[in-house]
Amino acid sequence: MSKKVEAAPTETTQQIAVLVFEKPEPSVWAESAEDRAKAAYRELEDLAKKDEVQIESATIVFRTEEGRAKLRRTSDWTAGKGAGRGAFWGLMVGLILGGPVAGLLAGSGLGALLGGRKAKGIDRNFMKKLSERMKPGNAALFMLVRADDDTTISQLEAYDAPLYTTPLTNDVEEAVKKATERQEVLEAIKFDKLD
């Protein structure tokens, strides 16, 4: 007689939070979506330096009129974390919004985590809604926030932009780390300079 062993729950210590800034209507004079994302980025970076929000790292993503997702910048806002989040964001954005990175990871452990059950990976509903919202001309600010940080999430909700969040499980983070060890994956991740 064998004993049924239940799998340990997947730990979640962080979450991905995304603010989406939409392209203004052509008849309305307003800042571009990308400019609003840059302004939010700089404001939140200042708040992080003052410990008023707890954001580990962030990147800006802009969807070109041709539909291509472009990463504008990445940074680590937590002391001592180093500059290792660039590859993380390149993979996450590529997998969520599509692009050359997603194709390179087809059939990998990371692809299975993202394509399967909600409990084991990134919520497919989150990915679907975010992909639909990121139309050409829109921009987004992707951030890594502690899973239990309601104060930072409240600050993010105050922006005039839809906020999407999803837990980042440890197994997804580990799969991303392994994927970034592949040279062809790193070469597919491109960042543009933030002006």
Protein backbone atom coordinates (compact mmCIF):
# COMPACT_ATOMS: atom_id res chain seq x y z
CA MET A 1 0.00 0.00 0.00
CA SER A 2 1.49 3.33 -1.02
CA LYS A 3 0.99 6.64 0.68
CA LYS A 4 -0.28 9.60 -1.28
CA VAL A 5 2.19 12.45 -1.00
CA GLU A 6 0.89 15.92 -1.62
CA ALA A 7 3.18 18.40 -3.31
CA ALA A 8 4.36 21.29 -1.21
CA PRO A 9 2.59 24.53 -2.10
CA THR A 10 4.47 26.76 -4.51
CA GLU A 11 5.96 29.67 -2.59
CA THR A 12 5.24 33.19 -3.66
CA THR A 13 7.30 35.99 -2.17
CA GLN A 14 7.01 38.48 -5.01
CA GLN A 15 4.50 39.69 -7.55
CA ILE A 16 4.65 41.39 -10.90
CA ALA A 17 2.75 44.67 -11.00
CA VAL A 18 2.12 46.42 -14.32
CA LEU A 19 0.72 49.90 -14.96
CA VAL A 20 -0.52 50.32 -18.54
CA PHE A 21 -0.53 53.81 -20.06
CA GLU A 22 -2.76 54.11 -23.10
CA LYS A 23 -2.10 56.11 -26.24
CA PRO A 24 -4.15 59.32 -26.18
CA GLU A 25 -6.92 59.82 -28.72
CA PRO A 26 -5.68 61.63 -31.87
CA SER A 27 -8.02 64.57 -31.29
CA VAL A 28 -6.79 65.13 -27.72
CA TRP A 29 -3.55 66.91 -26.92
CA ALA A 30 -1.87 64.90 -24.19
CA GLU A 31 1.44 63.38 -23.24
CA SER A 32 2.24 60.17 -25.07
CA ALA A 33 1.76 56.89 -23.25
CA GLU A 34 5.52 56.41 -23.23
CA ASP A 35 6.13 59.84 -21.67
CA ARG A 36 3.57 59.09 -18.94
CA ALA A 37 5.25 55.73 -18.25
CA LYS A 38 8.66 57.45 -18.02
CA ALA A 39 7.27 60.06 -15.61
CA ALA A 40 5.76 57.34 -13.40
CA TYR A 41 9.05 55.41 -13.54
CA ARG A 42 11.05 58.42 -12.34
CA GLU A 43 8.52 59.30 -9.65
CA LEU A 44 8.43 55.75 -8.30
CA GLU A 45 12.22 55.51 -8.44
CA ASP A 46 12.42 58.62 -6.23
CA LEU A 47 9.82 57.17 -3.83
CA ALA A 48 11.78 53.89 -3.68
CA LYS A 49 14.97 55.79 -2.77
CA LYS A 50 13.04 57.39 0.11
CA ASP A 51 11.63 53.98 1.16
CA GLU A 52 8.08 55.18 0.54
CA VAL A 53 7.46 52.29 -1.87
CA GLN A 54 9.20 48.91 -1.98
CA ILE A 55 9.86 48.12 -5.63
CA GLU A 56 12.79 45.81 -6.29
CA SER A 57 13.18 46.55 -9.98
CA ALA A 58 11.29 48.01 -12.91
CA THR A 59 11.31 48.33 -16.68
CA ILE A 60 9.40 50.37 -19.23
CA VAL A 61 7.87 48.63 -22.24
CA PHE A 62 6.56 50.47 -25.30
CA ARG A 63 4.47 48.89 -28.07
CA THR A 64 5.46 50.39 -31.43
CA GLU A 65 2.87 51.26 -34.07
CA GLU A 66 4.04 48.09 -35.89
CA GLY A 67 3.09 46.09 -32.78
CA ARG A 68 6.61 45.26 -31.56
CA ALA A 69 7.29 45.40 -27.80
CA LYS A 70 10.41 47.45 -26.99
CA LEU A 71 12.05 47.49 -23.58
CA ARG A 72 13.21 50.98 -22.74
CA ARG A 73 15.18 50.51 -19.55
CA THR A 74 15.55 48.31 -16.53
CA SER A 75 16.90 49.06 -13.10
CA ASP A 76 17.22 47.57 -9.66
CA TRP A 77 15.92 49.84 -6.94
CA THR A 78 16.85 47.64 -3.98
CA ALA A 79 20.35 48.11 -2.59
CA GLY A 80 22.67 45.17 -3.16
CA LYS A 81 20.64 43.49 -5.90
CA GLY A 82 23.07 44.29 -8.70
CA ALA A 83 22.10 44.61 -12.34
CA GLY A 84 20.77 41.10 -12.87
CA ARG A 85 17.16 41.99 -13.59
CA GLY A 86 17.62 43.06 -17.21
CA ALA A 87 17.55 39.49 -18.49
CA PHE A 88 14.66 38.68 -16.12
CA TRP A 89 12.52 41.50 -17.53
CA GLY A 90 13.52 40.71 -21.10
CA LEU A 91 12.28 37.15 -20.65
CA MET A 92 9.13 38.02 -18.73
CA VAL A 93 8.05 40.72 -21.18
CA GLY A 94 8.90 38.51 -24.15
CA LEU A 95 6.89 35.63 -22.77
CA ILE A 96 3.90 37.74 -21.72
CA LEU A 97 3.72 39.96 -24.81
CA GLY A 98 5.40 37.71 -27.38
CA GLY A 99 8.50 38.27 -29.43
CA PRO A 100 11.72 36.45 -30.30
CA VAL A 101 12.39 35.32 -26.74
CA ALA A 102 9.09 33.43 -26.54
CA GLY A 103 10.00 31.38 -29.64
CA LEU A 104 13.41 30.46 -28.23
CA LEU A 105 11.83 29.05 -25.07
CA ALA A 106 9.22 26.85 -26.72
CA GLY A 107 9.32 23.48 -25.06
CA SER A 108 11.54 24.61 -22.20
CA GLY A 109 10.68 24.30 -18.54
CA LEU A 110 9.72 27.97 -18.48
CA GLY A 111 7.34 27.54 -21.39
CA ALA A 112 5.62 24.69 -19.52
CA LEU A 113 5.27 26.79 -16.38
CA LEU A 114 3.69 29.66 -18.27
CA GLY A 115 1.45 27.52 -20.42
CA GLY A 116 -0.01 25.35 -17.73
CA ARG A 117 -1.82 25.54 -14.45
CA LYS A 118 -2.45 28.83 -12.71
CA ALA A 119 -0.96 27.56 -9.43
CA LYS A 120 2.37 26.61 -11.00
CA GLY A 121 3.11 29.61 -13.15
CA ILE A 122 2.02 33.03 -14.25
CA ASP A 123 -1.74 33.40 -14.44
CA ARG A 124 -2.84 33.00 -18.07
CA ASN A 125 -5.71 35.44 -17.52
CA PHE A 126 -3.16 38.09 -16.43
CA MET A 127 -1.12 37.43 -19.58
CA LYS A 128 -4.19 37.58 -21.82
CA LYS A 129 -5.53 40.83 -20.35
CA LEU A 130 -2.13 42.50 -20.46
CA SER A 131 -1.51 41.44 -24.07
CA GLU A 132 -4.92 42.78 -25.09
CA ARG A 133 -4.31 46.09 -23.30
CA MET A 134 -0.84 46.62 -24.80
CA LYS A 135 -2.03 47.91 -28.17
CA PRO A 136 0.29 49.82 -30.54
CA GLY A 137 1.22 53.18 -29.03
CA ASN A 138 0.62 52.02 -25.45
CA ALA A 139 3.34 51.77 -22.81
CA ALA A 140 3.66 49.87 -19.55
CA LEU A 141 5.71 50.03 -16.41
CA PHE A 142 6.56 46.51 -15.21
CA MET A 143 7.63 46.25 -11.55
CA LEU A 144 8.68 43.56 -9.11
CA VAL A 145 6.99 44.05 -5.73
CA ARG A 146 6.84 41.93 -2.56
CA ALA A 147 3.75 39.71 -2.57
CA ASP A 148 2.48 41.09 0.76
CA ASP A 149 3.20 44.78 0.10
CA ASP A 150 -0.26 46.37 0.19
CA THR A 151 1.19 49.85 0.76
CA THR A 152 3.08 49.88 -2.54
CA ILE A 153 0.10 48.42 -4.41
CA SER A 154 -2.10 51.20 -2.95
CA GLN A 155 0.38 53.79 -4.24
CA LEU A 156 0.31 52.19 -7.70
CA GLU A 157 -3.50 52.16 -7.75
CA ALA A 158 -3.44 55.96 -7.42
CA TYR A 159 -2.03 56.34 -10.95
CA ASP A 160 -4.40 57.13 -13.80
CA ALA A 161 -3.62 53.80 -15.47
CA PRO A 162 -4.99 50.27 -15.15
CA LEU A 163 -2.94 48.14 -12.73
CA TYR A 164 -2.46 44.41 -13.29
CA THR A 165 -0.79 42.09 -10.77
CA THR A 166 0.11 38.43 -10.63
CA PRO A 167 2.12 36.36 -8.15
CA LEU A 168 5.62 35.38 -9.20
CA THR A 169 6.20 31.91 -7.88
CA ASN A 170 9.66 30.72 -6.92
CA ASP A 171 9.55 27.97 -9.56
CA VAL A 172 8.93 30.54 -12.32
CA GLU A 173 11.76 32.73 -11.01
CA GLU A 174 14.09 29.70 -10.95
CA ALA A 175 13.09 28.73 -14.51
CA VAL A 176 13.75 32.30 -15.67
CA LYS A 177 17.17 32.22 -14.02
CA LYS A 178 18.05 28.98 -15.83
CA ALA A 179 16.79 30.34 -19.15
CA THR A 180 19.02 33.41 -18.83
CA GLU A 181 22.03 31.12 -18.74
CA ARG A 182 21.39 30.32 -22.43
CA GLN A 183 23.44 32.59 -24.71
CA GLU A 184 20.88 32.65 -27.53
CA VAL A 185 18.22 33.84 -25.07
CA LEU A 186 20.43 36.65 -23.78
CA GLU A 187 21.23 37.74 -27.35
CA ALA A 188 17.50 37.97 -28.17
CA ILE A 189 16.84 40.43 -25.32
CA LYS A 190 17.25 44.01 -26.48
CA PHE A 191 16.86 47.21 -24.49
CA ASP A 192 16.54 50.72 -25.86
CA LYS A 193 17.94 53.68 -23.99
CA LEU A 194 15.56 55.73 -21.85
CA ASP A 195 15.91 59.40 -22.85
